[in-house]
Amino acid sequence: MSEPQLTGLQKRASKYIDKAISYQLRPGEMIEGHFIGFDKTNIDRAVIQMSNAADRTTLPLMTVVNYFEGVEDEEENGGV
């Protein structure tokens, strides 16, 4: 059986799997955890393993990619 083909966005995101993410959804509401992979029921969602090991949530995959690419840009430019 072959592996399902990754979308272009999933390919971009795959290099960030197992990296920590700290993302503010709205004022006073943070998501902190690790990007662990892709939602099996919705290819446009990323699964985040929350700091509390029993909890998981999903975020839009584009949000996760933008977050990590923004972090890389900050690191390359010496931070903000």
PDB file of N, CA and C in Angstrom:
ATOM      1  N   MET A   1       0.837  -1.176   0.000  1.00  0.00           N
ATOM      2  CA  MET A   1       0.000   0.000   0.000  1.00  0.00           C
ATOM      3  C   MET A   1       0.886   1.245   0.000  1.00  0.00           C
ATOM      4  N   SER A   2       0.546   2.213  -0.803  1.00  0.00           N
ATOM      5  CA  SER A   2       1.385   3.398  -0.884  1.00  0.00           C
ATOM      6  C   SER A   2       0.946   4.457   0.113  1.00  0.00           C
ATOM      7  N   GLU A   3       1.891   5.303   0.482  1.00  0.00           N
ATOM      8  CA  GLU A   3       1.613   6.429   1.369  1.00  0.00           C
ATOM      9  C   GLU A   3       0.759   7.447   0.623  1.00  0.00           C
ATOM     10  N   PRO A   4      -0.163   8.115   1.326  1.00  0.00           N
ATOM     11  CA  PRO A   4      -0.918   9.160   0.644  1.00  0.00           C
ATOM     12  C   PRO A   4       0.010  10.298   0.226  1.00  0.00           C
ATOM     13  N   GLN A   5      -0.275  10.894  -0.908  1.00  0.00           N
ATOM     14  CA  GLN A   5       0.547  11.999  -1.393  1.00  0.00           C
ATOM     15  C   GLN A   5       0.304  13.231  -0.531  1.00  0.00           C
ATOM     16  N   LEU A   6       1.380  13.909  -0.180  1.00  0.00           N
ATOM     17  CA  LEU A   6       1.258  15.142   0.591  1.00  0.00           C
ATOM     18  C   LEU A   6       0.935  16.297  -0.343  1.00  0.00           C
ATOM     19  N   THR A   7       0.129  17.225   0.155  1.00  0.00           N
ATOM     20  CA  THR A   7      -0.121  18.442  -0.605  1.00  0.00           C
ATOM     21  C   THR A   7       1.129  19.312  -0.522  1.00  0.00           C
ATOM     22  N   GLY A   8       1.193  20.338  -1.355  1.00  0.00           N
ATOM     23  CA  GLY A   8       2.334  21.245  -1.312  1.00  0.00           C
ATOM     24  C   GLY A   8       2.501  21.889   0.052  1.00  0.00           C
ATOM     25  N   LEU A   9       1.388  22.271   0.666  1.00  0.00           N
ATOM     26  CA  LEU A   9       1.439  22.901   1.983  1.00  0.00           C
ATOM     27  C   LEU A   9       1.913  21.907   3.039  1.00  0.00           C
ATOM     28  N   GLN A  10       1.461  20.663   2.946  1.00  0.00           N
ATOM     29  CA  GLN A  10       1.920  19.638   3.885  1.00  0.00           C
ATOM     30  C   GLN A  10       3.418  19.384   3.725  1.00  0.00           C
ATOM     31  N   LYS A  11       3.909  19.407   2.492  1.00  0.00           N
ATOM     32  CA  LYS A  11       5.349  19.237   2.275  1.00  0.00           C
ATOM     33  C   LYS A  11       6.126  20.367   2.934  1.00  0.00           C
ATOM     34  N   ARG A  12       5.638  21.612   2.786  1.00  0.00           N
ATOM     35  CA  ARG A  12       6.296  22.755   3.439  1.00  0.00           C
ATOM     36  C   ARG A  12       6.280  22.589   4.950  1.00  0.00           C
ATOM     37  N   ALA A  13       5.161  22.108   5.477  1.00  0.00           N
ATOM     38  CA  ALA A  13       4.995  21.988   6.929  1.00  0.00           C
ATOM     39  C   ALA A  13       5.750  20.804   7.518  1.00  0.00           C
ATOM     40  N   SER A  14       5.986  19.762   6.726  1.00  0.00           N
ATOM     41  CA  SER A  14       6.545  18.515   7.262  1.00  0.00           C
ATOM     42  C   SER A  14       7.906  18.710   7.928  1.00  0.00           C
ATOM     43  N   LYS A  15       8.680  19.712   7.518  1.00  0.00           N
ATOM     44  CA  LYS A  15       9.988  19.916   8.147  1.00  0.00           C
ATOM     45  C   LYS A  15       9.872  20.501   9.553  1.00  0.00           C
ATOM     46  N   TYR A  16       8.660  20.921   9.944  1.00  0.00           N
ATOM     47  CA  TYR A  16       8.455  21.491  11.273  1.00  0.00           C
ATOM     48  C   TYR A  16       7.821  20.513  12.259  1.00  0.00           C
ATOM     49  N   ILE A  17       7.535  19.290  11.818  1.00  0.00           N
ATOM     50  CA  ILE A  17       6.941  18.296  12.706  1.00  0.00           C
ATOM     51  C   ILE A  17       7.864  18.072  13.899  1.00  0.00           C
ATOM     52  N   ASP A  18       7.264  17.965  15.067  1.00  0.00           N
ATOM     53  CA  ASP A  18       7.942  17.771  16.360  1.00  0.00           C
ATOM     54  C   ASP A  18       8.584  19.043  16.892  1.00  0.00           C
ATOM     55  N   LYS A  19       8.280  20.189  16.307  1.00  0.00           N
ATOM     56  CA  LYS A  19       8.794  21.456  16.832  1.00  0.00           C
ATOM     57  C   LYS A  19       7.732  22.107  17.717  1.00  0.00           C
ATOM     58  N   ALA A  20       8.212  22.854  18.695  1.00  0.00           N
ATOM     59  CA  ALA A  20       7.312  23.542  19.625  1.00  0.00           C
ATOM     60  C   ALA A  20       6.684  24.753  18.957  1.00  0.00           C
ATOM     61  N   ILE A  21       5.429  25.004  19.330  1.00  0.00           N
ATOM     62  CA  ILE A  21       4.712  26.165  18.826  1.00  0.00           C
ATOM     63  C   ILE A  21       4.024  26.863  19.994  1.00  0.00           C
ATOM     64  N   SER A  22       4.073  28.164  19.985  1.00  0.00           N
ATOM     65  CA  SER A  22       3.379  28.979  20.970  1.00  0.00           C
ATOM     66  C   SER A  22       2.653  30.061  20.182  1.00  0.00           C
ATOM     67  N   TYR A  23       1.350  29.898  20.036  1.00  0.00           N
ATOM     68  CA  TYR A  23       0.583  30.734  19.126  1.00  0.00           C
ATOM     69  C   TYR A  23      -0.581  31.380  19.866  1.00  0.00           C
ATOM     70  N   GLN A  24      -0.738  32.687  19.692  1.00  0.00           N
ATOM     71  CA  GLN A  24      -1.843  33.394  20.339  1.00  0.00           C
ATOM     72  C   GLN A  24      -3.041  33.423  19.396  1.00  0.00           C
ATOM     73  N   LEU A  25      -4.112  32.737  19.813  1.00  0.00           N
ATOM     74  CA  LEU A  25      -5.333  32.717  19.017  1.00  0.00           C
ATOM     75  C   LEU A  25      -6.032  34.075  19.065  1.00  0.00           C
ATOM     76  N   ARG A  26      -6.232  34.562  20.274  1.00  0.00           N
ATOM     77  CA  ARG A  26      -6.821  35.872  20.523  1.00  0.00           C
ATOM     78  C   ARG A  26      -6.304  36.340  21.866  1.00  0.00           C
ATOM     79  N   PRO A  27      -6.484  37.596  22.203  1.00  0.00           N
ATOM     80  CA  PRO A  27      -5.948  38.081  23.489  1.00  0.00           C
ATOM     81  C   PRO A  27      -6.370  37.178  24.653  1.00  0.00           C
ATOM     82  N   GLY A  28      -5.379  36.742  25.394  1.00  0.00           N
ATOM     83  CA  GLY A  28      -5.627  35.896  26.555  1.00  0.00           C
ATOM     84  C   GLY A  28      -5.785  34.419  26.258  1.00  0.00           C
ATOM     85  N   GLU A  29      -5.702  34.017  25.005  1.00  0.00           N
ATOM     86  CA  GLU A  29      -5.855  32.606  24.647  1.00  0.00           C
ATOM     87  C   GLU A  29      -4.663  32.137  23.818  1.00  0.00           C
ATOM     88  N   MET A  30      -3.794  31.368  24.477  1.00  0.00           N
ATOM     89  CA  MET A  30      -2.583  30.857  23.830  1.00  0.00           C
ATOM     90  C   MET A  30      -2.708  29.357  23.597  1.00  0.00           C
ATOM     91  N   ILE A  31      -2.104  28.917  22.516  1.00  0.00           N
ATOM     92  CA  ILE A  31      -1.924  27.485  22.263  1.00  0.00           C
ATOM     93  C   ILE A  31      -0.430  27.226  22.351  1.00  0.00           C
ATOM     94  N   GLU A  32      -0.053  26.339  23.258  1.00  0.00           N
ATOM     95  CA  GLU A  32       1.350  25.964  23.412  1.00  0.00           C
ATOM     96  C   GLU A  32       1.448  24.452  23.350  1.00  0.00           C
ATOM     97  N   GLY A  33       2.339  23.972  22.502  1.00  0.00           N
ATOM     98  CA  GLY A  33       2.509  22.540  22.362  1.00  0.00           C
ATOM     99  C   GLY A  33       3.491  22.226  21.255  1.00  0.00           C
ATOM    100  N   HIS A  34       3.338  21.055  20.667  1.00  0.00           N
ATOM    101  CA  HIS A  34       4.204  20.600  19.586  1.00  0.00           C
ATOM    102  C   HIS A  34       3.359  20.215  18.380  1.00  0.00           C
ATOM    103  N   PHE A  35       3.814  20.646  17.220  1.00  0.00           N
ATOM    104  CA  PHE A  35       3.186  20.259  15.962  1.00  0.00           C
ATOM    105  C   PHE A  35       3.569  18.808  15.714  1.00  0.00           C
ATOM    106  N   ILE A  36       2.570  17.913  15.706  1.00  0.00           N
ATOM    107  CA  ILE A  36       2.890  16.487  15.619  1.00  0.00           C
ATOM    108  C   ILE A  36       2.477  15.840  14.300  1.00  0.00           C
ATOM    109  N   GLY A  37       1.786  16.588  13.442  1.00  0.00           N
ATOM    110  CA  GLY A  37       1.412  15.992  12.166  1.00  0.00           C
ATOM    111  C   GLY A  37       0.154  16.618  11.603  1.00  0.00           C
ATOM    112  N   PHE A  38      -0.476  15.871  10.690  1.00  0.00           N
ATOM    113  CA  PHE A  38      -1.613  16.375   9.954  1.00  0.00           C
ATOM    114  C   PHE A  38      -2.892  15.674  10.381  1.00  0.00           C
ATOM    115  N   ASP A  39      -3.973  16.404  10.394  1.00  0.00           N
ATOM    116  CA  ASP A  39      -5.288  15.856  10.721  1.00  0.00           C
ATOM    117  C   ASP A  39      -5.683  14.859   9.632  1.00  0.00           C
ATOM    118  N   LYS A  40      -6.086  13.671  10.033  1.00  0.00           N
ATOM    119  CA  LYS A  40      -6.426  12.625   9.059  1.00  0.00           C
ATOM    120  C   LYS A  40      -7.754  12.912   8.345  1.00  0.00           C
ATOM    121  N   THR A  41      -8.631  13.704   8.968  1.00  0.00           N
ATOM    122  CA  THR A  41      -9.942  13.970   8.377  1.00  0.00           C
ATOM    123  C   THR A  41     -10.004  15.275   7.596  1.00  0.00           C
ATOM    124  N   ASN A  42      -9.003  16.156   7.776  1.00  0.00           N
ATOM    125  CA  ASN A  42      -9.002  17.440   7.077  1.00  0.00           C
ATOM    126  C   ASN A  42      -7.556  17.796   6.728  1.00  0.00           C
ATOM    127  N   ILE A  43      -7.200  17.707   5.465  1.00  0.00           N
ATOM    128  CA  ILE A  43      -5.808  17.889   5.043  1.00  0.00           C
ATOM    129  C   ILE A  43      -5.285  19.299   5.276  1.00  0.00           C
ATOM    130  N   ASP A  44      -6.186  20.240   5.555  1.00  0.00           N
ATOM    131  CA  ASP A  44      -5.774  21.630   5.767  1.00  0.00           C
ATOM    132  C   ASP A  44      -5.591  21.974   7.233  1.00  0.00           C
ATOM    133  N   ARG A  45      -5.544  20.951   8.117  1.00  0.00           N
ATOM    134  CA  ARG A  45      -5.404  21.200   9.553  1.00  0.00           C
ATOM    135  C   ARG A  45      -4.158  20.493  10.084  1.00  0.00           C
ATOM    136  N   ALA A  46      -3.483  21.165  11.024  1.00  0.00           N
ATOM    137  CA  ALA A  46      -2.303  20.603  11.697  1.00  0.00           C
ATOM    138  C   ALA A  46      -2.719  20.177  13.099  1.00  0.00           C
ATOM    139  N   VAL A  47      -2.195  19.066  13.557  1.00  0.00           N
ATOM    140  CA  VAL A  47      -2.484  18.577  14.909  1.00  0.00           C
ATOM    141  C   VAL A  47      -1.407  19.085  15.858  1.00  0.00           C
ATOM    142  N   ILE A  48      -1.845  19.709  16.941  1.00  0.00           N
ATOM    143  CA  ILE A  48      -0.947  20.238  17.956  1.00  0.00           C
ATOM    144  C   ILE A  48      -1.154  19.439  19.240  1.00  0.00           C
ATOM    145  N   GLN A  49      -0.074  18.823  19.728  1.00  0.00           N
ATOM    146  CA  GLN A  49      -0.093  18.127  21.018  1.00  0.00           C
ATOM    147  C   GLN A  49       0.165  19.189  22.067  1.00  0.00           C
ATOM    148  N   MET A  50      -0.824  19.449  22.900  1.00  0.00           N
ATOM    149  CA  MET A  50      -0.732  20.510  23.891  1.00  0.00           C
ATOM    150  C   MET A  50       0.279  20.139  24.981  1.00  0.00           C
ATOM    151  N   SER A  51       0.692  21.137  25.737  1.00  0.00           N
ATOM    152  CA  SER A  51       1.638  20.921  26.827  1.00  0.00           C
ATOM    153  C   SER A  51       1.101  19.888  27.808  1.00  0.00           C
ATOM    154  N   ASN A  52      -0.212  19.906  28.049  1.00  0.00           N
ATOM    155  CA  ASN A  52      -0.853  18.860  28.834  1.00  0.00           C
ATOM    156  C   ASN A  52      -0.941  17.638  27.921  1.00  0.00           C
ATOM    157  N   ALA A  53      -0.216  16.606  28.214  1.00  0.00           N
ATOM    158  CA  ALA A  53      -0.048  15.469  27.304  1.00  0.00           C
ATOM    159  C   ALA A  53      -1.349  14.833  26.841  1.00  0.00           C
ATOM    160  N   ALA A  54      -2.446  14.999  27.575  1.00  0.00           N
ATOM    161  CA  ALA A  54      -3.701  14.364  27.193  1.00  0.00           C
ATOM    162  C   ALA A  54      -4.478  15.159  26.154  1.00  0.00           C
ATOM    163  N   ASP A  55      -4.125  16.412  25.947  1.00  0.00           N
ATOM    164  CA  ASP A  55      -4.909  17.277  25.072  1.00  0.00           C
ATOM    165  C   ASP A  55      -4.255  17.496  23.719  1.00  0.00           C
ATOM    166  N   ARG A  56      -5.100  17.510  22.696  1.00  0.00           N
ATOM    167  CA  ARG A  56      -4.675  17.846  21.339  1.00  0.00           C
ATOM    168  C   ARG A  56      -5.680  18.828  20.769  1.00  0.00           C
ATOM    169  N   THR A  57      -5.221  19.622  19.842  1.00  0.00           N
ATOM    170  CA  THR A  57      -6.106  20.524  19.114  1.00  0.00           C
ATOM    171  C   THR A  57      -5.601  20.607  17.684  1.00  0.00           C
ATOM    172  N   THR A  58      -6.365  21.266  16.837  1.00  0.00           N
ATOM    173  CA  THR A  58      -5.897  21.483  15.474  1.00  0.00           C
ATOM    174  C   THR A  58      -5.903  22.974  15.182  1.00  0.00           C
ATOM    175  N   LEU A  59      -5.007  23.353  14.309  1.00  0.00           N
ATOM    176  CA  LEU A  59      -4.928  24.719  13.797  1.00  0.00           C
ATOM    177  C   LEU A  59      -4.907  24.627  12.277  1.00  0.00           C
ATOM    178  N   PRO A  60      -5.304  25.694  11.599  1.00  0.00           N
ATOM    179  CA  PRO A  60      -5.143  25.676  10.143  1.00  0.00           C
ATOM    180  C   PRO A  60      -3.674  25.456   9.779  1.00  0.00           C
ATOM    181  N   LEU A  61      -3.435  24.596   8.831  1.00  0.00           N
ATOM    182  CA  LEU A  61      -2.065  24.258   8.438  1.00  0.00           C
ATOM    183  C   LEU A  61      -1.304  25.494   7.971  1.00  0.00           C
ATOM    184  N   MET A  62      -1.967  26.392   7.263  1.00  0.00           N
ATOM    185  CA  MET A  62      -1.308  27.616   6.793  1.00  0.00           C
ATOM    186  C   MET A  62      -0.847  28.467   7.977  1.00  0.00           C
ATOM    187  N   THR A  63      -1.618  28.502   9.050  1.00  0.00           N
ATOM    188  CA  THR A  63      -1.241  29.249  10.248  1.00  0.00           C
ATOM    189  C   THR A  63       0.052  28.693  10.828  1.00  0.00           C
ATOM    190  N   VAL A  64       0.160  27.377  10.884  1.00  0.00           N
ATOM    191  CA  VAL A  64       1.344  26.720  11.440  1.00  0.00           C
ATOM    192  C   VAL A  64       2.569  26.996  10.558  1.00  0.00           C
ATOM    193  N   VAL A  65       2.402  26.878   9.250  1.00  0.00           N
ATOM    194  CA  VAL A  65       3.512  27.149   8.322  1.00  0.00           C
ATOM    195  C   VAL A  65       3.965  28.602   8.459  1.00  0.00           C
ATOM    196  N   ASN A  66       3.014  29.532   8.477  1.00  0.00           N
ATOM    197  CA  ASN A  66       3.358  30.946   8.623  1.00  0.00           C
ATOM    198  C   ASN A  66       4.079  31.210   9.940  1.00  0.00           C
ATOM    199  N   TYR A  67       3.638  30.548  11.011  1.00  0.00           N
ATOM    200  CA  TYR A  67       4.284  30.713  12.315  1.00  0.00           C
ATOM    201  C   TYR A  67       5.751  30.289  12.232  1.00  0.00           C
ATOM    202  N   PHE A  68       6.001  29.078  11.750  1.00  0.00           N
ATOM    203  CA  PHE A  68       7.369  28.574  11.725  1.00  0.00           C
ATOM    204  C   PHE A  68       8.244  29.324  10.735  1.00  0.00           C
ATOM    205  N   GLU A  69       7.704  29.698   9.593  1.00  0.00           N
ATOM    206  CA  GLU A  69       8.498  30.460   8.631  1.00  0.00           C
ATOM    207  C   GLU A  69       8.809  31.842   9.195  1.00  0.00           C
ATOM    208  N   GLY A  70       7.898  32.419   9.969  1.00  0.00           N
ATOM    209  CA  GLY A  70       8.155  33.697  10.636  1.00  0.00           C
ATOM    210  C   GLY A  70       9.233  33.569  11.691  1.00  0.00           C
ATOM    211  N   VAL A  71       9.228  32.467  12.435  1.00  0.00           N
ATOM    212  CA  VAL A  71      10.258  32.227  13.448  1.00  0.00           C
ATOM    213  C   VAL A  71      11.617  32.095  12.779  1.00  0.00           C
ATOM    214  N   GLU A  72      11.679  31.371  11.654  1.00  0.00           N
ATOM    215  CA  GLU A  72      12.950  31.231  10.926  1.00  0.00           C
ATOM    216  C   GLU A  72      13.454  32.583  10.437  1.00  0.00           C
ATOM    217  N   ASP A  73      12.542  33.415   9.920  1.00  0.00           N
ATOM    218  CA  ASP A  73      12.929  34.739   9.439  1.00  0.00           C
ATOM    219  C   ASP A  73      13.509  35.581  10.569  1.00  0.00           C
ATOM    220  N   GLU A  74      12.892  35.522  11.751  1.00  0.00           N
ATOM    221  CA  GLU A  74      13.405  36.269  12.908  1.00  0.00           C
ATOM    222  C   GLU A  74      14.794  35.804  13.289  1.00  0.00           C
ATOM    223  N   GLU A  75      14.996  34.465  13.279  1.00  0.00           N
ATOM    224  CA  GLU A  75      16.309  33.913  13.635  1.00  0.00           C
ATOM    225  C   GLU A  75      17.370  34.354  12.629  1.00  0.00           C
ATOM    226  N   GLU A  76      17.015  34.344  11.355  1.00  0.00           N
ATOM    227  CA  GLU A  76      17.978  34.734  10.316  1.00  0.00           C
ATOM    228  C   GLU A  76      18.315  36.214  10.384  1.00  0.00           C
ATOM    229  N   ASN A  77      17.376  37.040  10.835  1.00  0.00           N
ATOM    230  CA  ASN A  77      17.579  38.483  10.898  1.00  0.00           C
ATOM    231  C   ASN A  77      18.005  38.959  12.284  1.00  0.00           C
ATOM    232  N   GLY A  78      18.370  38.036  13.156  1.00  0.00           N
ATOM    233  CA  GLY A  78      18.867  38.407  14.485  1.00  0.00           C
ATOM    234  C   GLY A  78      17.792  38.791  15.481  1.00  0.00           C
ATOM    235  N   GLY A  79      16.564  38.338  15.262  1.00  0.00           N
ATOM    236  CA  GLY A  79      15.477  38.638  16.187  1.00  0.00           C
ATOM    237  C   GLY A  79      14.875  39.994  15.938  1.00  0.00           C
ATOM    238  N   VAL A  80      13.867  40.305  16.725  1.00  0.00           N
ATOM    239  CA  VAL A  80      13.178  41.592  16.547  1.00  0.00           C
ATOM    240  C   VAL A  80      13.513  42.525  17.667  1.00  0.00           C
TER     241      VAL A  80
END
